[in-house]
């Protein structure tokens, strides 16, 4: 059985490239960034492209953040995140080998963590600007 040939378009290439630059983004952020080069680009097209890239495994879902908006991650490998509680900054992190055993031990009763971890706090920029929770 032969798989259907991947449909290539300027929008797929543009979204893929921008996601690799940004790392994490919402469809709205992608749309706003691409509108300068593609003024006719629609929100529906961006949604279809990111959904297709997610379905292919090129993008994964990232933690949603404060606005609870769907956000994509350009890193398709399993990993954890740090998220700023104030500005919503999202950074990839590898907390698994360090933190997971400690959390599982604290939970006790033989429980184990499944999936990715998201740790929240205040980023360097928000600290610098004197923002506080």
C-alpha atoms as a PDB file:
ATOM      1  CA  UNK A   1       0.000   0.000   0.000  1.00  0.00           C
ATOM      2  CA  UNK A   2       1.425   3.367  -1.007  1.00  0.00           C
ATOM      3  CA  UNK A   3       0.782   6.444   1.086  1.00  0.00           C
ATOM      4  CA  UNK A   4      -0.757   9.450  -0.600  1.00  0.00           C
ATOM      5  CA  UNK A   5       1.820  11.928  -1.796  1.00  0.00           C
ATOM      6  CA  UNK A   6       2.319  14.775   0.682  1.00  0.00           C
ATOM      7  CA  UNK A   7       0.704  17.948  -0.579  1.00  0.00           C
ATOM      8  CA  UNK A   8       3.208  20.772  -0.528  1.00  0.00           C
ATOM      9  CA  UNK A   9       2.196  24.382  -0.349  1.00  0.00           C
ATOM     10  CA  UNK A  10       3.848  27.670   0.405  1.00  0.00           C
ATOM     11  CA  UNK A  11       1.766  27.901   3.571  1.00  0.00           C
ATOM     12  CA  UNK A  12       2.875  24.505   4.893  1.00  0.00           C
ATOM     13  CA  UNK A  13       6.511  25.455   4.251  1.00  0.00           C
ATOM     14  CA  UNK A  14       6.055  28.878   5.854  1.00  0.00           C
ATOM     15  CA  UNK A  15       4.331  27.514   8.980  1.00  0.00           C
ATOM     16  CA  UNK A  16       6.886  24.718   9.340  1.00  0.00           C
ATOM     17  CA  UNK A  17       9.783  27.182   9.047  1.00  0.00           C
ATOM     18  CA  UNK A  18       8.246  29.715  11.439  1.00  0.00           C
ATOM     19  CA  UNK A  19       7.467  27.032  14.025  1.00  0.00           C
ATOM     20  CA  UNK A  20      11.108  25.947  13.997  1.00  0.00           C
ATOM     21  CA  UNK A  21      12.133  29.573  14.595  1.00  0.00           C
ATOM     22  CA  UNK A  22       9.562  30.219  17.335  1.00  0.00           C
ATOM     23  CA  UNK A  23       9.596  26.822  19.036  1.00  0.00           C
ATOM     24  CA  UNK A  24       6.103  27.265  20.510  1.00  0.00           C
ATOM     25  CA  UNK A  25       3.206  29.209  19.006  1.00  0.00           C
ATOM     26  CA  UNK A  26      -0.555  29.525  18.777  1.00  0.00           C
ATOM     27  CA  UNK A  27      -2.337  29.624  15.443  1.00  0.00           C
ATOM     28  CA  UNK A  28      -3.008  33.326  16.033  1.00  0.00           C
ATOM     29  CA  UNK A  29       0.698  34.046  16.625  1.00  0.00           C
ATOM     30  CA  UNK A  30       1.575  32.176  13.432  1.00  0.00           C
ATOM     31  CA  UNK A  31      -1.087  34.038  11.476  1.00  0.00           C
ATOM     32  CA  UNK A  32       0.089  37.436  12.744  1.00  0.00           C
ATOM     33  CA  UNK A  33       3.726  36.638  11.935  1.00  0.00           C
ATOM     34  CA  UNK A  34       2.954  35.371   8.437  1.00  0.00           C
ATOM     35  CA  UNK A  35       0.450  38.053   7.394  1.00  0.00           C
ATOM     36  CA  UNK A  36       3.224  40.447   6.298  1.00  0.00           C
ATOM     37  CA  UNK A  37       4.447  37.993   3.692  1.00  0.00           C
ATOM     38  CA  UNK A  38       1.045  36.425   2.972  1.00  0.00           C
ATOM     39  CA  UNK A  39      -1.647  39.128   3.410  1.00  0.00           C
ATOM     40  CA  UNK A  40      -4.403  36.807   2.114  1.00  0.00           C
ATOM     41  CA  UNK A  41      -3.576  34.039   4.591  1.00  0.00           C
ATOM     42  CA  UNK A  42      -6.644  33.053   6.617  1.00  0.00           C
ATOM     43  CA  UNK A  43      -6.979  31.738  10.149  1.00  0.00           C
ATOM     44  CA  UNK A  44      -8.662  28.638   8.714  1.00  0.00           C
ATOM     45  CA  UNK A  45      -5.654  27.885   6.519  1.00  0.00           C
ATOM     46  CA  UNK A  46      -3.252  28.231   9.456  1.00  0.00           C
ATOM     47  CA  UNK A  47      -5.482  25.945  11.532  1.00  0.00           C
ATOM     48  CA  UNK A  48      -5.564  23.316   8.766  1.00  0.00           C
ATOM     49  CA  UNK A  49      -1.790  23.456   8.290  1.00  0.00           C
ATOM     50  CA  UNK A  50      -0.972  23.111  12.000  1.00  0.00           C
ATOM     51  CA  UNK A  51      -3.539  20.312  12.375  1.00  0.00           C
ATOM     52  CA  UNK A  52      -1.980  18.494   9.413  1.00  0.00           C
ATOM     53  CA  UNK A  53       1.567  18.949  10.768  1.00  0.00           C
ATOM     54  CA  UNK A  54       0.401  17.708  14.176  1.00  0.00           C
ATOM     55  CA  UNK A  55      -1.293  14.685  12.588  1.00  0.00           C
ATOM     56  CA  UNK A  56       1.973  13.859  10.767  1.00  0.00           C
ATOM     57  CA  UNK A  57       3.924  14.100  14.018  1.00  0.00           C
ATOM     58  CA  UNK A  58       5.916  17.174  12.977  1.00  0.00           C
ATOM     59  CA  UNK A  59       4.321  19.290  15.706  1.00  0.00           C
ATOM     60  CA  UNK A  60       3.009  18.327  19.091  1.00  0.00           C
ATOM     61  CA  UNK A  61       0.634  20.084  21.429  1.00  0.00           C
ATOM     62  CA  UNK A  62       2.268  22.315  24.019  1.00  0.00           C
ATOM     63  CA  UNK A  63       0.865  23.431  27.379  1.00  0.00           C
ATOM     64  CA  UNK A  64      -1.881  25.965  26.758  1.00  0.00           C
ATOM     65  CA  UNK A  65      -0.819  28.781  29.059  1.00  0.00           C
ATOM     66  CA  UNK A  66      -2.862  31.468  30.794  1.00  0.00           C
ATOM     67  CA  UNK A  67      -5.306  32.110  27.956  1.00  0.00           C
ATOM     68  CA  UNK A  68      -6.058  28.384  27.609  1.00  0.00           C
ATOM     69  CA  UNK A  69      -5.424  28.643  23.843  1.00  0.00           C
ATOM     70  CA  UNK A  70      -4.167  25.715  21.787  1.00  0.00           C
ATOM     71  CA  UNK A  71      -0.409  26.042  21.366  1.00  0.00           C
ATOM     72  CA  UNK A  72       1.927  23.937  19.225  1.00  0.00           C
ATOM     73  CA  UNK A  73       5.464  22.767  19.895  1.00  0.00           C
ATOM     74  CA  UNK A  74       8.046  22.355  17.110  1.00  0.00           C
ATOM     75  CA  UNK A  75       9.914  19.723  19.139  1.00  0.00           C
ATOM     76  CA  UNK A  76       8.099  16.435  18.470  1.00  0.00           C
ATOM     77  CA  UNK A  77      10.230  14.439  20.936  1.00  0.00           C
ATOM     78  CA  UNK A  78       8.945  13.817  24.480  1.00  0.00           C
ATOM     79  CA  UNK A  79      10.077  16.621  26.797  1.00  0.00           C
ATOM     80  CA  UNK A  80       8.996  18.787  29.701  1.00  0.00           C
ATOM     81  CA  UNK A  81       8.374  22.538  29.934  1.00  0.00           C
ATOM     82  CA  UNK A  82       8.863  25.582  32.116  1.00  0.00           C
ATOM     83  CA  UNK A  83       6.046  28.130  31.804  1.00  0.00           C
ATOM     84  CA  UNK A  84       6.102  31.668  33.227  1.00  0.00           C
ATOM     85  CA  UNK A  85       2.940  32.273  35.234  1.00  0.00           C
ATOM     86  CA  UNK A  86       3.005  35.985  34.391  1.00  0.00           C
ATOM     87  CA  UNK A  87       3.905  36.374  30.705  1.00  0.00           C
ATOM     88  CA  UNK A  88       3.227  32.833  29.440  1.00  0.00           C
ATOM     89  CA  UNK A  89       6.794  32.230  28.191  1.00  0.00           C
ATOM     90  CA  UNK A  90       7.255  28.541  27.426  1.00  0.00           C
ATOM     91  CA  UNK A  91      10.646  26.824  27.385  1.00  0.00           C
ATOM     92  CA  UNK A  92      11.580  23.228  26.721  1.00  0.00           C
ATOM     93  CA  UNK A  93      13.157  21.434  29.672  1.00  0.00           C
ATOM     94  CA  UNK A  94      14.416  17.956  30.436  1.00  0.00           C
ATOM     95  CA  UNK A  95      13.156  17.394  33.964  1.00  0.00           C
ATOM     96  CA  UNK A  96      12.448  13.697  33.722  1.00  0.00           C
ATOM     97  CA  UNK A  97      15.612  12.049  35.020  1.00  0.00           C
ATOM     98  CA  UNK A  98      16.051  14.629  37.766  1.00  0.00           C
ATOM     99  CA  UNK A  99      12.568  15.417  39.025  1.00  0.00           C
ATOM    100  CA  UNK A 100      10.348  12.418  38.207  1.00  0.00           C
ATOM    101  CA  UNK A 101      11.914  10.004  40.732  1.00  0.00           C
ATOM    102  CA  UNK A 102      11.627  12.615  43.482  1.00  0.00           C
ATOM    103  CA  UNK A 103       7.980  13.375  42.690  1.00  0.00           C
ATOM    104  CA  UNK A 104       7.112   9.683  42.452  1.00  0.00           C
ATOM    105  CA  UNK A 105       8.798   9.053  45.796  1.00  0.00           C
ATOM    106  CA  UNK A 106       6.887  11.971  47.372  1.00  0.00           C
ATOM    107  CA  UNK A 107       3.601  10.617  45.978  1.00  0.00           C
ATOM    108  CA  UNK A 108       4.494   7.143  47.200  1.00  0.00           C
ATOM    109  CA  UNK A 109       2.393   3.984  46.975  1.00  0.00           C
ATOM    110  CA  UNK A 110       4.225   2.844  43.812  1.00  0.00           C
ATOM    111  CA  UNK A 111       2.614   5.528  41.631  1.00  0.00           C
ATOM    112  CA  UNK A 112       4.470   6.661  38.517  1.00  0.00           C
ATOM    113  CA  UNK A 113       4.192   9.787  36.398  1.00  0.00           C
ATOM    114  CA  UNK A 114       2.934   9.381  32.838  1.00  0.00           C
ATOM    115  CA  UNK A 115       3.350  12.088  30.210  1.00  0.00           C
ATOM    116  CA  UNK A 116       5.220  15.357  30.222  1.00  0.00           C
ATOM    117  CA  UNK A 117       5.722  17.696  33.168  1.00  0.00           C
ATOM    118  CA  UNK A 118       5.066  21.434  33.110  1.00  0.00           C
ATOM    119  CA  UNK A 119       6.649  23.466  35.876  1.00  0.00           C
ATOM    120  CA  UNK A 120       5.422  27.014  36.367  1.00  0.00           C
ATOM    121  CA  UNK A 121       7.208  29.965  37.902  1.00  0.00           C
ATOM    122  CA  UNK A 122       8.462  33.429  37.002  1.00  0.00           C
ATOM    123  CA  UNK A 123      10.875  33.905  34.095  1.00  0.00           C
ATOM    124  CA  UNK A 124      14.032  35.998  34.201  1.00  0.00           C
ATOM    125  CA  UNK A 125      12.451  38.869  32.232  1.00  0.00           C
ATOM    126  CA  UNK A 126       9.451  39.150  34.571  1.00  0.00           C
ATOM    127  CA  UNK A 127      11.799  39.087  37.595  1.00  0.00           C
ATOM    128  CA  UNK A 128      13.867  41.808  35.947  1.00  0.00           C
ATOM    129  CA  UNK A 129      10.765  43.963  35.368  1.00  0.00           C
ATOM    130  CA  UNK A 130       9.794  43.555  39.032  1.00  0.00           C
ATOM    131  CA  UNK A 131       6.618  41.654  38.290  1.00  0.00           C
ATOM    132  CA  UNK A 132       5.289  39.483  41.093  1.00  0.00           C
ATOM    133  CA  UNK A 133       2.540  36.920  41.501  1.00  0.00           C
END
